[in-house]
N, C-alpha and C. Protein backbone atom coordinates (compact mmCIF):
# COMPACT_ATOMS: atom_id res chain seq x y z
N UNK A 1 -9.67 -138.84 -182.50
CA UNK A 1 -10.91 -138.09 -182.49
C UNK A 1 -11.48 -138.13 -181.07
N UNK A 2 -11.81 -136.96 -180.53
CA UNK A 2 -12.33 -136.92 -179.16
C UNK A 2 -13.84 -137.19 -179.12
N UNK A 3 -14.36 -137.28 -177.93
CA UNK A 3 -15.78 -137.63 -177.73
C UNK A 3 -16.71 -136.61 -178.38
N UNK A 4 -16.40 -135.33 -178.23
CA UNK A 4 -17.23 -134.28 -178.81
C UNK A 4 -17.28 -134.40 -180.33
N UNK A 5 -16.15 -134.68 -180.96
CA UNK A 5 -16.10 -134.83 -182.42
C UNK A 5 -16.90 -136.05 -182.86
N UNK A 6 -16.82 -137.14 -182.09
CA UNK A 6 -17.60 -138.33 -182.41
C UNK A 6 -19.10 -138.07 -182.32
N UNK A 7 -19.52 -137.33 -181.28
CA UNK A 7 -20.93 -137.00 -181.12
C UNK A 7 -21.41 -136.10 -182.26
N UNK A 8 -20.58 -135.14 -182.67
CA UNK A 8 -20.94 -134.25 -183.78
C UNK A 8 -21.07 -135.05 -185.08
N UNK A 9 -20.16 -135.99 -185.30
CA UNK A 9 -20.22 -136.83 -186.51
C UNK A 9 -21.50 -137.66 -186.51
N UNK A 10 -21.83 -138.24 -185.36
CA UNK A 10 -23.04 -139.05 -185.24
C UNK A 10 -24.28 -138.20 -185.50
N UNK A 11 -24.31 -136.98 -184.97
CA UNK A 11 -25.45 -136.09 -185.17
C UNK A 11 -25.62 -135.76 -186.65
N UNK A 12 -24.52 -135.47 -187.34
CA UNK A 12 -24.62 -135.18 -188.78
C UNK A 12 -25.15 -136.38 -189.55
N UNK A 13 -24.73 -137.58 -189.18
CA UNK A 13 -25.21 -138.80 -189.84
C UNK A 13 -26.70 -139.01 -189.57
N UNK A 14 -27.12 -138.75 -188.35
CA UNK A 14 -28.54 -138.88 -188.02
C UNK A 14 -29.36 -137.88 -188.82
N UNK A 15 -28.90 -136.64 -188.90
CA UNK A 15 -29.61 -135.63 -189.66
C UNK A 15 -29.68 -136.00 -191.14
N UNK A 16 -28.60 -136.53 -191.69
CA UNK A 16 -28.60 -136.95 -193.09
C UNK A 16 -29.64 -138.05 -193.31
N UNK A 17 -29.70 -139.02 -192.41
CA UNK A 17 -30.67 -140.09 -192.52
C UNK A 17 -32.10 -139.54 -192.40
N UNK A 18 -32.33 -138.59 -191.50
CA UNK A 18 -33.66 -138.00 -191.34
C UNK A 18 -34.08 -137.27 -192.62
N UNK A 19 -33.14 -136.56 -193.24
CA UNK A 19 -33.46 -135.86 -194.50
C UNK A 19 -33.80 -136.86 -195.59
N UNK A 20 -33.04 -137.93 -195.70
CA UNK A 20 -33.29 -138.94 -196.72
C UNK A 20 -34.62 -139.64 -196.52
N UNK A 21 -34.95 -139.97 -195.27
CA UNK A 21 -36.21 -140.66 -194.97
C UNK A 21 -37.41 -139.77 -195.24
N UNK A 22 -37.24 -138.46 -195.07
CA UNK A 22 -38.35 -137.54 -195.29
C UNK A 22 -38.32 -136.93 -196.69
N UNK A 23 -37.37 -137.37 -197.51
CA UNK A 23 -37.25 -136.91 -198.90
C UNK A 23 -37.17 -135.40 -199.02
N UNK A 24 -36.63 -134.74 -198.01
CA UNK A 24 -36.55 -133.28 -198.10
C UNK A 24 -35.22 -132.82 -198.66
N UNK A 25 -34.25 -133.70 -198.82
CA UNK A 25 -32.99 -133.35 -199.45
C UNK A 25 -32.13 -132.43 -198.61
N UNK A 26 -32.35 -131.16 -198.72
CA UNK A 26 -31.56 -130.17 -198.00
C UNK A 26 -32.24 -129.79 -196.69
N UNK A 27 -31.45 -129.39 -195.71
CA UNK A 27 -32.06 -128.95 -194.45
C UNK A 27 -32.80 -127.63 -194.65
N UNK A 28 -33.75 -127.39 -193.77
CA UNK A 28 -34.46 -126.12 -193.75
C UNK A 28 -33.68 -125.21 -192.81
N UNK A 29 -33.33 -124.02 -193.26
CA UNK A 29 -32.63 -123.08 -192.39
C UNK A 29 -33.63 -122.22 -191.66
N UNK A 30 -33.38 -121.97 -190.39
CA UNK A 30 -34.31 -121.19 -189.61
C UNK A 30 -33.67 -120.60 -188.38
N UNK A 31 -34.52 -120.10 -187.49
CA UNK A 31 -34.05 -119.48 -186.26
C UNK A 31 -34.95 -119.91 -185.10
N UNK A 32 -34.48 -119.58 -183.89
CA UNK A 32 -35.23 -119.90 -182.67
C UNK A 32 -35.09 -118.74 -181.71
N UNK A 33 -36.18 -118.46 -181.00
CA UNK A 33 -36.14 -117.42 -179.98
C UNK A 33 -37.11 -117.79 -178.86
N UNK A 34 -36.68 -117.51 -177.61
CA UNK A 34 -37.59 -117.60 -176.47
C UNK A 34 -37.32 -116.42 -175.56
N UNK A 35 -38.09 -116.32 -174.48
CA UNK A 35 -38.01 -115.15 -173.60
C UNK A 35 -36.68 -115.03 -172.88
N UNK A 36 -35.91 -116.12 -172.80
CA UNK A 36 -34.68 -116.08 -172.00
C UNK A 36 -33.41 -115.79 -172.79
N UNK A 37 -33.53 -115.58 -174.11
CA UNK A 37 -32.31 -115.41 -174.91
C UNK A 37 -32.57 -114.58 -176.16
N UNK A 38 -31.48 -114.15 -176.75
CA UNK A 38 -31.52 -113.48 -178.04
C UNK A 38 -31.83 -114.53 -179.12
N UNK A 39 -32.34 -114.12 -180.29
CA UNK A 39 -32.60 -115.10 -181.36
C UNK A 39 -31.33 -115.84 -181.76
N UNK A 40 -31.48 -117.13 -182.04
CA UNK A 40 -30.40 -117.96 -182.54
C UNK A 40 -30.71 -118.21 -184.01
N UNK A 41 -29.85 -117.74 -184.90
CA UNK A 41 -30.12 -117.83 -186.34
C UNK A 41 -29.20 -118.85 -187.01
N UNK A 42 -29.50 -119.14 -188.26
CA UNK A 42 -28.68 -120.06 -189.05
C UNK A 42 -28.77 -121.51 -188.61
N UNK A 43 -29.91 -121.89 -188.03
CA UNK A 43 -30.09 -123.26 -187.55
C UNK A 43 -30.49 -124.19 -188.69
N UNK A 44 -29.95 -125.39 -188.68
CA UNK A 44 -30.35 -126.44 -189.60
C UNK A 44 -31.50 -127.20 -188.94
N UNK A 45 -32.71 -127.04 -189.46
CA UNK A 45 -33.90 -127.64 -188.87
C UNK A 45 -34.33 -128.87 -189.66
N UNK A 46 -34.74 -129.90 -188.95
CA UNK A 46 -35.38 -131.05 -189.55
C UNK A 46 -36.82 -131.05 -189.04
N UNK A 47 -37.76 -131.01 -189.96
CA UNK A 47 -39.18 -130.94 -189.60
C UNK A 47 -39.79 -132.31 -189.88
N UNK A 48 -40.33 -132.93 -188.83
CA UNK A 48 -40.94 -134.25 -188.92
C UNK A 48 -42.43 -134.13 -188.64
N UNK A 49 -43.22 -134.90 -189.34
CA UNK A 49 -44.68 -134.82 -189.18
C UNK A 49 -45.25 -136.15 -188.71
N UNK A 50 -46.33 -136.07 -187.92
CA UNK A 50 -47.05 -137.24 -187.42
C UNK A 50 -46.11 -138.25 -186.74
N UNK A 51 -45.48 -137.78 -185.67
CA UNK A 51 -44.52 -138.59 -184.92
C UNK A 51 -45.18 -139.13 -183.65
N UNK A 52 -45.04 -140.44 -183.43
CA UNK A 52 -45.58 -141.06 -182.22
C UNK A 52 -44.51 -141.11 -181.15
N UNK A 53 -44.91 -140.85 -179.91
CA UNK A 53 -43.99 -140.96 -178.77
C UNK A 53 -44.81 -141.32 -177.54
N UNK A 54 -44.13 -141.83 -176.54
CA UNK A 54 -44.79 -142.17 -175.28
C UNK A 54 -44.76 -140.94 -174.39
N UNK A 55 -45.93 -140.51 -173.92
CA UNK A 55 -46.04 -139.33 -173.07
C UNK A 55 -45.61 -139.62 -171.64
N UNK A 56 -45.68 -138.60 -170.77
CA UNK A 56 -45.20 -138.75 -169.39
C UNK A 56 -45.97 -139.78 -168.57
N UNK A 57 -47.22 -140.04 -168.91
CA UNK A 57 -48.01 -141.02 -168.17
C UNK A 57 -48.05 -142.38 -168.86
N UNK A 58 -47.16 -142.57 -169.84
CA UNK A 58 -47.14 -143.83 -170.57
C UNK A 58 -48.16 -143.91 -171.68
N UNK A 59 -48.84 -142.80 -171.94
CA UNK A 59 -49.87 -142.74 -172.97
C UNK A 59 -49.22 -142.40 -174.31
N UNK A 60 -49.68 -143.03 -175.39
CA UNK A 60 -49.16 -142.74 -176.71
C UNK A 60 -49.62 -141.36 -177.15
N UNK A 61 -48.68 -140.53 -177.57
CA UNK A 61 -48.96 -139.17 -178.03
C UNK A 61 -48.52 -139.08 -179.48
N UNK A 62 -49.34 -138.45 -180.32
CA UNK A 62 -48.95 -138.21 -181.71
C UNK A 62 -48.79 -136.71 -181.88
N UNK A 63 -47.55 -136.29 -182.17
CA UNK A 63 -47.28 -134.88 -182.44
C UNK A 63 -47.46 -134.65 -183.93
N UNK A 64 -48.24 -133.65 -184.30
CA UNK A 64 -48.41 -133.34 -185.71
C UNK A 64 -47.09 -132.88 -186.32
N UNK A 65 -46.32 -132.11 -185.55
CA UNK A 65 -45.04 -131.62 -186.06
C UNK A 65 -44.01 -131.65 -184.93
N UNK A 66 -42.80 -132.12 -185.25
CA UNK A 66 -41.66 -132.01 -184.36
C UNK A 66 -40.53 -131.36 -185.14
N UNK A 67 -39.75 -130.53 -184.47
CA UNK A 67 -38.57 -129.92 -185.08
C UNK A 67 -37.35 -130.37 -184.30
N UNK A 68 -36.34 -130.82 -185.04
CA UNK A 68 -35.07 -131.22 -184.45
C UNK A 68 -33.96 -130.31 -184.95
N UNK A 69 -32.99 -130.07 -184.07
CA UNK A 69 -31.85 -129.22 -184.40
C UNK A 69 -30.62 -129.80 -183.70
N UNK A 70 -29.47 -129.57 -184.27
CA UNK A 70 -28.24 -130.05 -183.65
C UNK A 70 -28.00 -129.30 -182.34
N UNK A 71 -27.65 -130.03 -181.29
CA UNK A 71 -27.41 -129.42 -179.99
C UNK A 71 -26.22 -128.47 -180.01
N UNK A 72 -25.28 -128.67 -180.92
CA UNK A 72 -24.15 -127.75 -181.02
C UNK A 72 -24.59 -126.39 -181.57
N UNK A 73 -25.75 -126.34 -182.22
CA UNK A 73 -26.29 -125.07 -182.71
C UNK A 73 -27.26 -124.44 -181.71
N UNK A 74 -28.01 -125.28 -181.01
CA UNK A 74 -29.02 -124.81 -180.05
C UNK A 74 -29.04 -125.80 -178.89
N UNK A 75 -28.61 -125.36 -177.72
CA UNK A 75 -28.43 -126.28 -176.59
C UNK A 75 -29.72 -126.68 -175.88
N UNK A 76 -30.78 -125.89 -176.02
CA UNK A 76 -32.05 -126.22 -175.36
C UNK A 76 -33.18 -125.41 -175.97
N UNK A 77 -34.40 -125.92 -175.78
CA UNK A 77 -35.60 -125.17 -176.16
C UNK A 77 -36.51 -125.09 -174.95
N UNK A 78 -37.38 -124.11 -174.96
CA UNK A 78 -38.32 -123.91 -173.86
C UNK A 78 -39.73 -123.88 -174.40
N UNK A 79 -40.65 -124.30 -173.53
CA UNK A 79 -42.07 -124.19 -173.88
C UNK A 79 -42.37 -122.74 -174.27
N UNK A 80 -43.13 -122.54 -175.32
CA UNK A 80 -43.52 -121.24 -175.87
C UNK A 80 -42.41 -120.56 -176.66
N UNK A 81 -41.26 -121.22 -176.86
CA UNK A 81 -40.25 -120.69 -177.76
C UNK A 81 -40.79 -120.73 -179.19
N UNK A 82 -40.16 -119.99 -180.08
CA UNK A 82 -40.64 -119.89 -181.47
C UNK A 82 -39.53 -120.27 -182.44
N UNK A 83 -39.82 -121.24 -183.32
CA UNK A 83 -38.96 -121.54 -184.46
C UNK A 83 -39.52 -120.79 -185.66
N UNK A 84 -38.65 -120.26 -186.49
CA UNK A 84 -39.06 -119.54 -187.69
C UNK A 84 -38.23 -120.01 -188.87
N UNK A 85 -38.89 -120.23 -189.99
CA UNK A 85 -38.21 -120.54 -191.24
C UNK A 85 -39.01 -119.91 -192.36
N UNK A 86 -38.41 -118.92 -193.04
CA UNK A 86 -39.15 -118.19 -194.07
C UNK A 86 -40.37 -117.53 -193.47
N UNK A 87 -41.54 -117.81 -194.03
CA UNK A 87 -42.80 -117.25 -193.52
C UNK A 87 -43.47 -118.17 -192.51
N UNK A 88 -42.85 -119.30 -192.20
CA UNK A 88 -43.44 -120.27 -191.28
C UNK A 88 -42.94 -120.04 -189.86
N UNK A 89 -43.87 -120.15 -188.89
CA UNK A 89 -43.53 -120.03 -187.48
C UNK A 89 -44.18 -121.18 -186.73
N UNK A 90 -43.43 -121.76 -185.78
CA UNK A 90 -43.94 -122.84 -184.95
C UNK A 90 -43.66 -122.51 -183.49
N UNK A 91 -44.67 -122.70 -182.65
CA UNK A 91 -44.54 -122.48 -181.21
C UNK A 91 -44.24 -123.82 -180.54
N UNK A 92 -43.28 -123.82 -179.63
CA UNK A 92 -42.90 -125.05 -178.92
C UNK A 92 -43.98 -125.39 -177.89
N UNK A 93 -44.54 -126.59 -178.04
CA UNK A 93 -45.51 -127.10 -177.06
C UNK A 93 -44.79 -127.76 -175.90
N UNK A 94 -43.73 -128.51 -176.23
CA UNK A 94 -42.97 -129.21 -175.20
C UNK A 94 -41.63 -129.67 -175.75
N UNK A 95 -40.57 -129.53 -174.96
CA UNK A 95 -39.31 -130.17 -175.35
C UNK A 95 -39.51 -131.69 -175.29
N UNK A 96 -39.03 -132.41 -176.29
CA UNK A 96 -39.23 -133.85 -176.35
C UNK A 96 -37.95 -134.61 -176.04
N UNK A 97 -36.83 -134.11 -176.56
CA UNK A 97 -35.57 -134.84 -176.41
C UNK A 97 -34.41 -133.87 -176.43
N UNK A 98 -33.43 -134.13 -175.58
CA UNK A 98 -32.17 -133.39 -175.62
C UNK A 98 -31.11 -134.33 -175.06
N UNK A 99 -30.42 -135.01 -175.96
CA UNK A 99 -29.42 -135.98 -175.54
C UNK A 99 -28.00 -135.44 -175.67
N UNK A 100 -27.88 -134.13 -175.85
CA UNK A 100 -26.57 -133.53 -176.01
C UNK A 100 -26.08 -133.55 -177.44
N UNK A 101 -26.80 -134.24 -178.32
CA UNK A 101 -26.45 -134.31 -179.74
C UNK A 101 -27.54 -133.66 -180.58
N UNK A 102 -28.79 -134.04 -180.31
CA UNK A 102 -29.94 -133.49 -181.04
C UNK A 102 -30.97 -133.01 -180.03
N UNK A 103 -31.53 -131.84 -180.30
CA UNK A 103 -32.59 -131.27 -179.48
C UNK A 103 -33.87 -131.33 -180.32
N UNK A 104 -34.94 -131.91 -179.75
CA UNK A 104 -36.20 -132.06 -180.47
C UNK A 104 -37.32 -131.47 -179.64
N UNK A 105 -38.26 -130.80 -180.33
CA UNK A 105 -39.41 -130.19 -179.67
C UNK A 105 -40.68 -130.50 -180.44
N UNK A 106 -41.78 -130.76 -179.70
CA UNK A 106 -43.09 -130.85 -180.30
C UNK A 106 -43.56 -129.41 -180.50
N UNK A 107 -44.02 -129.10 -181.70
CA UNK A 107 -44.41 -127.73 -182.02
C UNK A 107 -45.78 -127.70 -182.70
N UNK A 108 -46.35 -126.50 -182.74
CA UNK A 108 -47.61 -126.29 -183.45
C UNK A 108 -47.43 -125.05 -184.33
N UNK A 109 -48.00 -125.07 -185.54
CA UNK A 109 -47.89 -123.87 -186.39
C UNK A 109 -48.53 -122.69 -185.69
N UNK A 110 -47.91 -121.54 -185.86
CA UNK A 110 -48.44 -120.33 -185.24
C UNK A 110 -49.03 -119.42 -186.28
């Protein structure tokens, strides 16, 4: 098994654990669009609420909503990008994490 396959396996395991911890069972399917690209559809989204993180100045920040997606489905997000799932839309406030396996963004409902 090569490095890419190992990273993909780890990402799927992380997503499974996130779904179990949030009791959501199945992933939420959605899409993403920003000014620099065509819409990316069929994304497996994990929606997390009330997440604490350390901000750029070392200050504790609480994001009301964060959305995570597998990096193999979406390689990056940009500020002001839009995630959509059903009738729900979230605007990206800031990219939070992109480790090549999972991409996470702090978002606000639109």
